Amino acid sequence: MAYVISDECLQCGACEAECPVEAISAGETKYVIDPDTCIECGSCAATCPAEAISAE
């Protein structure tokens, strides 16, 4: 079950820098996680200051 980023995303980029497999990239209005690349480690969720990342 991959992690997802909600609309609460602040677009700060903290999650992108933390992802060990580079599954996170900037979208138009928020960062997005590629579910095929995500290894479900939770590093991004632990880093997010807005608590906008959760398990799908």
PDB file of N, CA and C in Angstrom:
ATOM      1  N   MET A   1       0.850  -1.172   0.000  1.00  0.00           N
ATOM      2  CA  MET A   1       0.000   0.000   0.000  1.00  0.00           C
ATOM      3  C   MET A   1       0.902   1.244   0.000  1.00  0.00           C
ATOM      4  N   ALA A   2       0.934   1.959  -1.073  1.00  0.00           N
ATOM      5  CA  ALA A   2       1.775   3.153  -1.214  1.00  0.00           C
ATOM      6  C   ALA A   2       1.237   4.305  -0.373  1.00  0.00           C
ATOM      7  N   TYR A   3       2.110   5.241  -0.091  1.00  0.00           N
ATOM      8  CA  TYR A   3       1.706   6.452   0.611  1.00  0.00           C
ATOM      9  C   TYR A   3       1.134   7.446  -0.395  1.00  0.00           C
ATOM     10  N   VAL A   4       0.278   8.335   0.081  1.00  0.00           N
ATOM     11  CA  VAL A   4      -0.320   9.375  -0.761  1.00  0.00           C
ATOM     12  C   VAL A   4      -0.180  10.721  -0.064  1.00  0.00           C
ATOM     13  N   ILE A   5      -0.184  11.773  -0.857  1.00  0.00           N
ATOM     14  CA  ILE A   5      -0.087  13.134  -0.341  1.00  0.00           C
ATOM     15  C   ILE A   5      -1.427  13.827  -0.552  1.00  0.00           C
ATOM     16  N   SER A   6      -1.968  14.384   0.523  1.00  0.00           N
ATOM     17  CA  SER A   6      -3.273  15.040   0.455  1.00  0.00           C
ATOM     18  C   SER A   6      -3.146  16.481  -0.034  1.00  0.00           C
ATOM     19  N   ASP A   7      -4.281  17.134  -0.176  1.00  0.00           N
ATOM     20  CA  ASP A   7      -4.317  18.521  -0.616  1.00  0.00           C
ATOM     21  C   ASP A   7      -3.760  19.481   0.441  1.00  0.00           C
ATOM     22  N   GLU A   8      -3.464  18.973   1.623  1.00  0.00           N
ATOM     23  CA  GLU A   8      -2.885  19.795   2.688  1.00  0.00           C
ATOM     24  C   GLU A   8      -1.406  20.086   2.429  1.00  0.00           C
ATOM     25  N   CYS A   9      -0.841  19.506   1.386  1.00  0.00           N
ATOM     26  CA  CYS A   9       0.573  19.661   1.027  1.00  0.00           C
ATOM     27  C   CYS A   9       0.944  21.142   0.900  1.00  0.00           C
ATOM     28  N   LEU A  10       2.057  21.512   1.546  1.00  0.00           N
ATOM     29  CA  LEU A  10       2.546  22.890   1.519  1.00  0.00           C
ATOM     30  C   LEU A  10       3.545  23.135   0.388  1.00  0.00           C
ATOM     31  N   GLN A  11       3.870  22.096  -0.360  1.00  0.00           N
ATOM     32  CA  GLN A  11       4.855  22.155  -1.450  1.00  0.00           C
ATOM     33  C   GLN A  11       6.223  22.628  -0.950  1.00  0.00           C
ATOM     34  N   CYS A  12       6.610  22.157   0.229  1.00  0.00           N
ATOM     35  CA  CYS A  12       7.895  22.566   0.798  1.00  0.00           C
ATOM     36  C   CYS A  12       9.051  21.725   0.271  1.00  0.00           C
ATOM     37  N   GLY A  13       8.766  20.510  -0.212  1.00  0.00           N
ATOM     38  CA  GLY A  13       9.803  19.659  -0.769  1.00  0.00           C
ATOM     39  C   GLY A  13      10.537  18.784   0.226  1.00  0.00           C
ATOM     40  N   ALA A  14      10.189  18.860   1.490  1.00  0.00           N
ATOM     41  CA  ALA A  14      10.873  18.061   2.510  1.00  0.00           C
ATOM     42  C   ALA A  14      10.737  16.567   2.230  1.00  0.00           C
ATOM     43  N   CYS A  15       9.593  16.144   1.785  1.00  0.00           N
ATOM     44  CA  CYS A  15       9.356  14.725   1.522  1.00  0.00           C
ATOM     45  C   CYS A  15      10.181  14.225   0.336  1.00  0.00           C
ATOM     46  N   GLU A  16      10.295  15.041  -0.686  1.00  0.00           N
ATOM     47  CA  GLU A  16      11.048  14.644  -1.875  1.00  0.00           C
ATOM     48  C   GLU A  16      12.507  14.366  -1.520  1.00  0.00           C
ATOM     49  N   ALA A  17      13.085  15.221  -0.701  1.00  0.00           N
ATOM     50  CA  ALA A  17      14.479  15.065  -0.305  1.00  0.00           C
ATOM     51  C   ALA A  17      14.689  13.839   0.570  1.00  0.00           C
ATOM     52  N   GLU A  18      13.666  13.435   1.302  1.00  0.00           N
ATOM     53  CA  GLU A  18      13.773  12.316   2.245  1.00  0.00           C
ATOM     54  C   GLU A  18      13.565  10.954   1.596  1.00  0.00           C
ATOM     55  N   CYS A  19      12.895  10.887   0.463  1.00  0.00           N
ATOM     56  CA  CYS A  19      12.553   9.607  -0.172  1.00  0.00           C
ATOM     57  C   CYS A  19      13.805   8.876  -0.689  1.00  0.00           C
ATOM     58  N   PRO A  20      14.054   7.662  -0.187  1.00  0.00           N
ATOM     59  CA  PRO A  20      15.262   6.930  -0.591  1.00  0.00           C
ATOM     60  C   PRO A  20      15.205   6.354  -2.008  1.00  0.00           C
ATOM     61  N   VAL A  21      14.016   6.264  -2.595  1.00  0.00           N
ATOM     62  CA  VAL A  21      13.882   5.681  -3.939  1.00  0.00           C
ATOM     63  C   VAL A  21      13.401   6.697  -4.975  1.00  0.00           C
ATOM     64  N   GLU A  22      13.398   7.970  -4.606  1.00  0.00           N
ATOM     65  CA  GLU A  22      12.995   9.060  -5.504  1.00  0.00           C
ATOM     66  C   GLU A  22      11.610   8.850  -6.114  1.00  0.00           C
ATOM     67  N   ALA A  23      10.658   8.433  -5.274  1.00  0.00           N
ATOM     68  CA  ALA A  23       9.288   8.196  -5.731  1.00  0.00           C
ATOM     69  C   ALA A  23       8.428   9.453  -5.689  1.00  0.00           C
ATOM     70  N   ILE A  24       8.953  10.535  -5.146  1.00  0.00           N
ATOM     71  CA  ILE A  24       8.180  11.765  -4.963  1.00  0.00           C
ATOM     72  C   ILE A  24       8.667  12.836  -5.927  1.00  0.00           C
ATOM     73  N   SER A  25       7.690  13.507  -6.543  1.00  0.00           N
ATOM     74  CA  SER A  25       8.034  14.599  -7.453  1.00  0.00           C
ATOM     75  C   SER A  25       7.005  15.718  -7.317  1.00  0.00           C
ATOM     76  N   ALA A  26       7.372  16.905  -7.785  1.00  0.00           N
ATOM     77  CA  ALA A  26       6.478  18.052  -7.716  1.00  0.00           C
ATOM     78  C   ALA A  26       5.381  17.927  -8.760  1.00  0.00           C
ATOM     79  N   GLY A  27       4.144  18.101  -8.305  1.00  0.00           N
ATOM     80  CA  GLY A  27       3.012  18.141  -9.218  1.00  0.00           C
ATOM     81  C   GLY A  27       2.591  19.585  -9.423  1.00  0.00           C
ATOM     82  N   GLU A  28       1.456  19.798 -10.039  1.00  0.00           N
ATOM     83  CA  GLU A  28       0.994  21.167 -10.289  1.00  0.00           C
ATOM     84  C   GLU A  28       0.614  21.897  -9.009  1.00  0.00           C
ATOM     85  N   THR A  29      -0.122  21.226  -8.123  1.00  0.00           N
ATOM     86  CA  THR A  29      -0.602  21.892  -6.915  1.00  0.00           C
ATOM     87  C   THR A  29      -0.074  21.269  -5.632  1.00  0.00           C
ATOM     88  N   LYS A  30       0.583  20.123  -5.725  1.00  0.00           N
ATOM     89  CA  LYS A  30       1.146  19.446  -4.559  1.00  0.00           C
ATOM     90  C   LYS A  30       2.164  18.425  -5.045  1.00  0.00           C
ATOM     91  N   TYR A  31       2.941  17.902  -4.121  1.00  0.00           N
ATOM     92  CA  TYR A  31       3.861  16.830  -4.472  1.00  0.00           C
ATOM     93  C   TYR A  31       3.073  15.539  -4.640  1.00  0.00           C
ATOM     94  N   VAL A  32       3.572  14.626  -5.460  1.00  0.00           N
ATOM     95  CA  VAL A  32       2.898  13.356  -5.709  1.00  0.00           C
ATOM     96  C   VAL A  32       3.880  12.194  -5.514  1.00  0.00           C
ATOM     97  N   ILE A  33       3.331  11.047  -5.134  1.00  0.00           N
ATOM     98  CA  ILE A  33       4.128   9.849  -4.920  1.00  0.00           C
ATOM     99  C   ILE A  33       3.770   8.820  -5.981  1.00  0.00           C
ATOM    100  N   ASP A  34       4.770   8.299  -6.667  1.00  0.00           N
ATOM    101  CA  ASP A  34       4.560   7.248  -7.661  1.00  0.00           C
ATOM    102  C   ASP A  34       4.336   5.938  -6.902  1.00  0.00           C
ATOM    103  N   PRO A  35       3.119   5.382  -6.963  1.00  0.00           N
ATOM    104  CA  PRO A  35       2.819   4.166  -6.196  1.00  0.00           C
ATOM    105  C   PRO A  35       3.610   2.941  -6.639  1.00  0.00           C
ATOM    106  N   ASP A  36       4.083   2.934  -7.877  1.00  0.00           N
ATOM    107  CA  ASP A  36       4.861   1.805  -8.365  1.00  0.00           C
ATOM    108  C   ASP A  36       6.303   1.835  -7.855  1.00  0.00           C
ATOM    109  N   THR A  37       6.765   3.009  -7.483  1.00  0.00           N
ATOM    110  CA  THR A  37       8.133   3.166  -7.002  1.00  0.00           C
ATOM    111  C   THR A  37       8.206   3.171  -5.475  1.00  0.00           C
ATOM    112  N   CYS A  38       7.155   3.630  -4.823  1.00  0.00           N
ATOM    113  CA  CYS A  38       7.114   3.744  -3.360  1.00  0.00           C
ATOM    114  C   CYS A  38       7.365   2.387  -2.703  1.00  0.00           C
ATOM    115  N   ILE A  39       8.285   2.380  -1.710  1.00  0.00           N
ATOM    116  CA  ILE A  39       8.586   1.140  -0.985  1.00  0.00           C
ATOM    117  C   ILE A  39       7.937   1.118   0.398  1.00  0.00           C
ATOM    118  N   GLU A  40       7.067   2.082   0.656  1.00  0.00           N
ATOM    119  CA  GLU A  40       6.274   2.136   1.886  1.00  0.00           C
ATOM    120  C   GLU A  40       7.121   2.224   3.149  1.00  0.00           C
ATOM    121  N   CYS A  41       8.211   2.955   3.079  1.00  0.00           N
ATOM    122  CA  CYS A  41       9.101   3.068   4.236  1.00  0.00           C
ATOM    123  C   CYS A  41       8.593   4.070   5.272  1.00  0.00           C
ATOM    124  N   GLY A  42       7.779   5.046   4.845  1.00  0.00           N
ATOM    125  CA  GLY A  42       7.224   6.037   5.765  1.00  0.00           C
ATOM    126  C   GLY A  42       8.124   7.221   6.051  1.00  0.00           C
ATOM    127  N   SER A  43       9.291   7.283   5.439  1.00  0.00           N
ATOM    128  CA  SER A  43      10.207   8.403   5.673  1.00  0.00           C
ATOM    129  C   SER A  43       9.563   9.736   5.322  1.00  0.00           C
ATOM    130  N   CYS A  44       8.819   9.766   4.246  1.00  0.00           N
ATOM    131  CA  CYS A  44       8.174  10.998   3.802  1.00  0.00           C
ATOM    132  C   CYS A  44       7.140  11.481   4.816  1.00  0.00           C
ATOM    133  N   ALA A  45       6.335  10.559   5.328  1.00  0.00           N
ATOM    134  CA  ALA A  45       5.288  10.920   6.279  1.00  0.00           C
ATOM    135  C   ALA A  45       5.892  11.471   7.569  1.00  0.00           C
ATOM    136  N   ALA A  46       6.997  10.891   7.995  1.00  0.00           N
ATOM    137  CA  ALA A  46       7.652  11.348   9.222  1.00  0.00           C
ATOM    138  C   ALA A  46       8.256  12.742   9.060  1.00  0.00           C
ATOM    139  N   THR A  47       8.586  13.123   7.828  1.00  0.00           N
ATOM    140  CA  THR A  47       9.226  14.406   7.542  1.00  0.00           C
ATOM    141  C   THR A  47       8.229  15.532   7.280  1.00  0.00           C
ATOM    142  N   CYS A  48       7.042  15.214   6.830  1.00  0.00           N
ATOM    143  CA  CYS A  48       6.070  16.218   6.394  1.00  0.00           C
ATOM    144  C   CYS A  48       5.604  17.141   7.540  1.00  0.00           C
ATOM    145  N   PRO A  49       5.886  18.455   7.446  1.00  0.00           N
ATOM    146  CA  PRO A  49       5.474  19.380   8.505  1.00  0.00           C
ATOM    147  C   PRO A  49       3.963  19.609   8.538  1.00  0.00           C
ATOM    148  N   ALA A  50       3.275  19.340   7.439  1.00  0.00           N
ATOM    149  CA  ALA A  50       1.824  19.551   7.385  1.00  0.00           C
ATOM    150  C   ALA A  50       1.043  18.277   7.685  1.00  0.00           C
ATOM    151  N   GLU A  51       1.759  17.183   7.923  1.00  0.00           N
ATOM    152  CA  GLU A  51       1.125  15.879   8.145  1.00  0.00           C
ATOM    153  C   GLU A  51       0.168  15.546   7.006  1.00  0.00           C
ATOM    154  N   ALA A  52       0.605  15.829   5.777  1.00  0.00           N
ATOM    155  CA  ALA A  52      -0.229  15.650   4.584  1.00  0.00           C
ATOM    156  C   ALA A  52       0.001  14.301   3.904  1.00  0.00           C
ATOM    157  N   ILE A  53       0.852  13.443   4.477  1.00  0.00           N
ATOM    158  CA  ILE A  53       1.171  12.162   3.857  1.00  0.00           C
ATOM    159  C   ILE A  53       0.685  11.034   4.745  1.00  0.00           C
ATOM    160  N   SER A  54      -0.023  10.078   4.121  1.00  0.00           N
ATOM    161  CA  SER A  54      -0.526   8.936   4.868  1.00  0.00           C
ATOM    162  C   SER A  54      -0.548   7.696   3.984  1.00  0.00           C
ATOM    163  N   ALA A  55      -0.676   6.546   4.617  1.00  0.00           N
ATOM    164  CA  ALA A  55      -0.787   5.299   3.868  1.00  0.00           C
ATOM    165  C   ALA A  55      -2.119   5.293   3.136  1.00  0.00           C
ATOM    166  N   GLU A  56      -2.107   4.828   1.919  1.00  0.00           N
ATOM    167  CA  GLU A  56      -3.316   4.815   1.083  1.00  0.00           C
ATOM    168  C   GLU A  56      -4.334   3.851   1.629  1.00  0.00           C
TER     169      GLU A  56
END
